[in-house]
Amino acid sequence: MTFPQPQPDAQFLAHFADAWNRHDIDALMSFMADECEFHAVAGPDLMGRSFVGRDAVREGFQMAWQAFPDAAWVDGEHFVQGERGVSECTFKGTKADGQRVEARMVDVFTFRDGKIAIKNAFRKDRPAIAAS
């Protein structure tokens, strides 16, 4: 007998955001559906760069911390309506060259069977802040 997964709610998304701030890839992947997608904020395609499948999504998530070792997502607000959800926050991070990014962003989620099937990230295109 299979039991339905509980429907994600705002607390689910808050815990997902906490895992991002801990840079905890295993915790992040525990929120993701077996068949999942991640559409990054930047990339060559209409959707940015897309990562499809658990291995690719894992790699895409880890790339965020490689590009911004001190990456943090702060001031989060989350809501869920049915099979969709949104997290809004401020992204802060420093690149290897010392340039800092600080911009508002949103993630738009699609849920399936109590997990995140699609994470689609959007961030304001604010110029980097020069290293001091």
Protein backbone atom coordinates (compact mmCIF):
# COMPACT_ATOMS: atom_id res chain seq x y z
CA MET A 1 0.00 0.00 0.00
CA THR A 2 1.34 3.46 -0.88
CA PHE A 3 0.59 6.54 1.15
CA PRO A 4 0.23 9.97 -0.44
CA GLN A 5 2.98 12.47 0.37
CA PRO A 6 1.81 15.54 2.29
CA GLN A 7 1.28 18.61 0.12
CA PRO A 8 4.20 21.06 0.40
CA ASP A 9 3.44 24.28 2.26
CA ALA A 10 5.27 27.51 3.14
CA GLN A 11 7.15 25.73 5.96
CA PHE A 12 8.37 23.11 3.45
CA LEU A 13 9.83 25.91 1.29
CA ALA A 14 11.37 27.60 4.36
CA HIS A 15 13.16 24.34 5.21
CA PHE A 16 14.33 24.06 1.59
CA ALA A 17 15.74 27.61 1.83
CA ASP A 18 17.49 26.72 5.09
CA ALA A 19 19.23 23.81 3.33
CA TRP A 20 20.47 26.25 0.65
CA ASN A 21 21.95 28.50 3.33
CA ARG A 22 23.67 25.53 5.01
CA HIS A 23 25.07 24.51 1.59
CA ASP A 24 23.68 21.03 2.33
CA ILE A 25 23.30 19.24 -1.01
CA ASP A 26 21.93 16.02 0.48
CA ALA A 27 19.20 17.90 2.34
CA LEU A 28 18.33 19.87 -0.80
CA MET A 29 18.01 16.74 -2.89
CA SER A 30 15.68 15.21 -0.30
CA PHE A 31 13.12 17.87 -1.29
CA MET A 32 13.37 17.05 -5.01
CA ALA A 33 11.19 14.60 -6.93
CA ASP A 34 12.84 11.64 -8.65
CA GLU A 35 12.17 13.29 -12.01
CA CYS A 36 13.12 16.90 -11.39
CA GLU A 37 14.29 20.00 -13.22
CA PHE A 38 16.19 23.13 -12.22
CA HIS A 39 16.21 26.23 -14.42
CA ALA A 40 19.04 28.53 -13.28
CA VAL A 41 18.96 32.34 -13.27
CA ALA A 42 21.44 32.57 -16.16
CA GLY A 43 22.41 30.59 -19.19
CA PRO A 44 22.20 30.44 -22.96
CA ASP A 45 18.59 29.34 -23.31
CA LEU A 46 15.18 30.95 -22.85
CA MET A 47 14.92 29.29 -19.41
CA GLY A 48 18.54 30.12 -18.45
CA ARG A 49 20.51 26.92 -18.08
CA SER A 50 18.37 23.86 -17.50
CA PHE A 51 19.36 20.83 -15.46
CA VAL A 52 17.10 17.82 -15.96
CA GLY A 53 17.24 14.68 -13.79
CA ARG A 54 18.50 14.20 -10.24
CA ASP A 55 22.21 14.02 -11.12
CA ALA A 56 22.07 17.12 -13.30
CA VAL A 57 20.00 19.07 -10.74
CA ARG A 58 22.47 18.13 -8.01
CA GLU A 59 25.31 19.42 -10.20
CA GLY A 60 23.41 22.63 -10.97
CA PHE A 61 22.74 23.30 -7.29
CA GLN A 62 26.41 22.76 -6.41
CA MET A 63 27.48 25.16 -9.16
CA ALA A 64 25.78 28.00 -7.26
CA TRP A 65 28.13 27.46 -4.30
CA GLN A 66 31.14 27.09 -6.62
CA ALA A 67 30.39 30.46 -8.24
CA PHE A 68 29.54 32.10 -4.88
CA PRO A 69 31.25 30.24 -1.98
CA ASP A 70 29.55 32.54 0.56
CA ALA A 71 26.13 32.40 -1.13
CA ALA A 72 23.19 33.25 1.13
CA TRP A 73 19.47 33.61 0.51
CA VAL A 74 18.01 35.93 3.17
CA ASP A 75 14.72 37.60 4.07
CA GLY A 76 12.73 34.72 2.59
CA GLU A 77 8.98 34.77 2.15
CA HIS A 78 7.18 31.68 0.87
CA PHE A 79 3.72 30.69 -0.26
CA VAL A 80 2.07 27.67 -1.82
CA GLN A 81 -1.13 27.49 -3.82
CA GLY A 82 -2.06 24.00 -4.92
CA GLU A 83 0.70 22.41 -6.99
CA ARG A 84 2.68 25.67 -7.28
CA GLY A 85 4.76 27.68 -4.86
CA VAL A 86 6.96 30.77 -4.72
CA SER A 87 9.90 31.80 -2.57
CA GLU A 88 11.06 35.41 -2.63
CA CYS A 89 14.34 36.45 -1.02
CA THR A 90 17.51 38.51 -1.34
CA PHE A 91 20.48 36.66 -2.83
CA LYS A 92 23.91 37.72 -1.55
CA GLY A 93 27.21 36.29 -2.71
CA THR A 94 30.80 37.09 -3.60
CA LYS A 95 32.51 35.84 -6.75
CA ALA A 96 36.16 34.70 -6.79
CA ASP A 97 37.18 38.08 -8.27
CA GLY A 98 35.70 39.86 -5.25
CA GLN A 99 32.63 41.27 -6.98
CA ARG A 100 29.52 41.01 -4.85
CA VAL A 101 25.99 40.33 -5.99
CA GLU A 102 23.03 41.43 -3.91
CA ALA A 103 19.65 41.29 -5.62
CA ARG A 104 16.05 40.26 -5.00
CA MET A 105 15.01 36.98 -6.55
CA VAL A 106 12.19 34.49 -6.73
CA ASP A 107 11.96 30.75 -7.22
CA VAL A 108 8.80 29.39 -8.80
CA PHE A 109 8.11 25.77 -7.91
CA THR A 110 5.95 23.02 -9.36
CA PHE A 111 5.22 20.14 -6.98
CA ARG A 112 4.53 16.49 -7.71
CA ASP A 113 3.76 13.82 -5.09
CA GLY A 114 4.84 16.02 -2.19
CA LYS A 115 8.22 16.98 -3.70
CA ILE A 116 9.67 19.71 -5.93
CA ALA A 117 9.45 18.65 -9.56
CA ILE A 118 10.57 21.99 -11.04
CA LYS A 119 12.58 24.85 -9.52
CA ASN A 120 12.63 27.85 -11.82
CA ALA A 121 14.89 30.67 -10.53
CA PHE A 122 14.67 34.37 -11.43
CA ARG A 123 16.94 37.17 -10.15
CA LYS A 124 17.05 40.91 -10.75
CA ASP A 125 19.76 41.82 -13.26
CA ARG A 126 21.59 44.22 -10.98
CA PRO A 127 25.24 45.05 -11.74
CA ALA A 128 27.82 43.46 -9.44
CA ILE A 129 29.12 45.59 -6.59
CA ALA A 130 32.85 46.23 -7.03
CA ALA A 131 35.28 44.68 -4.58
CA SER A 132 36.43 47.11 -1.91
